[in-house]
C-alpha atoms as a PDB file:
ATOM      1  CA  MET A   1      12.934   2.019  -0.115  1.00  0.00           C
ATOM      2  CA  THR A   2      12.276   5.679   0.233  1.00  0.00           C
ATOM      3  CA  GLU A   3       9.687   7.096   2.593  1.00  0.00           C
ATOM      4  CA  ARG A   4       7.493   7.977  -0.387  1.00  0.00           C
ATOM      5  CA  GLN A   5       7.666   4.424  -1.721  1.00  0.00           C
ATOM      6  CA  LEU A   6       6.772   3.030   1.696  1.00  0.00           C
ATOM      7  CA  ARG A   7       3.790   5.358   1.978  1.00  0.00           C
ATOM      8  CA  LEU A   8       2.574   4.431  -1.503  1.00  0.00           C
ATOM      9  CA  PHE A   9       2.975   0.727  -0.765  1.00  0.00           C
ATOM     10  CA  PHE A  10       1.161   1.069   2.562  1.00  0.00           C
ATOM     11  CA  ARG A  11      -1.740   2.945   0.950  1.00  0.00           C
ATOM     12  CA  ALA A  12      -2.009   0.304  -1.774  1.00  0.00           C
ATOM     13  CA  ALA A  13      -1.986  -2.455   0.847  1.00  0.00           C
ATOM     14  CA  LEU A  14      -4.755  -0.710   2.794  1.00  0.00           C
ATOM     15  CA  ARG A  15      -6.859  -0.316  -0.367  1.00  0.00           C
ATOM     16  CA  HIS A  16      -6.405  -4.009  -1.118  1.00  0.00           C
ATOM     17  CA  GLU A  17      -7.364  -5.040   2.417  1.00  0.00           C
ATOM     18  CA  ARG A  18     -10.417  -2.768   2.485  1.00  0.00           C
ATOM     19  CA  ARG A  19     -11.588  -4.068  -0.902  1.00  0.00           C
ATOM     20  CA  ALA A  20     -11.201  -7.639   0.366  1.00  0.00           C
ATOM     21  CA  ARG A  21     -13.227  -6.804   3.474  1.00  0.00           C
ATOM     22  CA  ALA A  22     -15.959  -5.211   1.379  1.00  0.00           C
ATOM     23  CA  ASP A  23     -16.030  -8.298  -0.829  1.00  0.00           C
ATOM     24  CA  ARG A  24     -16.399 -10.566   2.209  1.00  0.00           C
ATOM     25  CA  ILE A  25     -19.261  -8.454   3.544  1.00  0.00           C
ATOM     26  CA  GLN A  26     -20.984  -8.637   0.182  1.00  0.00           C
ATOM     27  CA  ASP A  27     -20.473 -12.417   0.033  1.00  0.00           C
ATOM     28  CA  VAL A  28     -21.846 -12.949   3.537  1.00  0.00           C
ATOM     29  CA  ASN A  29     -24.815 -10.718   2.763  1.00  0.00           C
ATOM     30  CA  ALA A  30     -25.592 -12.703  -0.398  1.00  0.00           C
ATOM     31  CA  GLY A  31     -25.215 -15.972   1.496  1.00  0.00           C
ATOM     32  CA  MET A  32     -27.575 -14.872   4.252  1.00  0.00           C
ATOM     33  CA  ALA A  33     -30.158 -13.593   1.769  1.00  0.00           C
ATOM     34  CA  GLY A  34     -29.978 -16.817  -0.246  1.00  0.00           C
ATOM     35  CA  GLY A  35     -32.179 -17.407  -3.232  1.00  0.00           C
ATOM     36  CA  ARG A  36     -31.396 -16.754  -6.859  1.00  0.00           C
ATOM     37  CA  PRO A  37     -28.925 -13.866  -6.287  1.00  0.00           C
ATOM     38  CA  ALA A  38     -26.788 -16.069  -4.016  1.00  0.00           C
ATOM     39  CA  SER A  39     -26.900 -18.937  -6.513  1.00  0.00           C
ATOM     40  CA  GLU A  40     -25.905 -16.632  -9.367  1.00  0.00           C
ATOM     41  CA  LEU A  41     -23.036 -15.163  -7.357  1.00  0.00           C
ATOM     42  CA  LEU A  42     -21.787 -18.624  -6.397  1.00  0.00           C
ATOM     43  CA  ARG A  43     -21.978 -19.755 -10.005  1.00  0.00           C
ATOM     44  CA  ALA A  44     -20.082 -16.666 -11.174  1.00  0.00           C
ATOM     45  CA  LEU A  45     -17.377 -17.207  -8.551  1.00  0.00           C
ATOM     46  CA  THR A  46     -16.879 -20.889  -9.329  1.00  0.00           C
ATOM     47  CA  GLU A  47     -16.914 -20.708 -13.138  1.00  0.00           C
ATOM     48  CA  PRO A  48     -13.534 -21.058 -14.794  1.00  0.00           C
ATOM     49  CA  ILE A  49     -12.100 -17.793 -16.018  1.00  0.00           C
END
């Protein structure tokens, strides 16, 4: 791989990791808040695609 390809891959990997972290924070926040929003999110996540 070229240096440019490595840099592009690394940046894409960082974006993916940061998005996953943001998703986890959002999930934990919804779980702690509970109620209807948490139930709707859980339903949306567990429905078949």
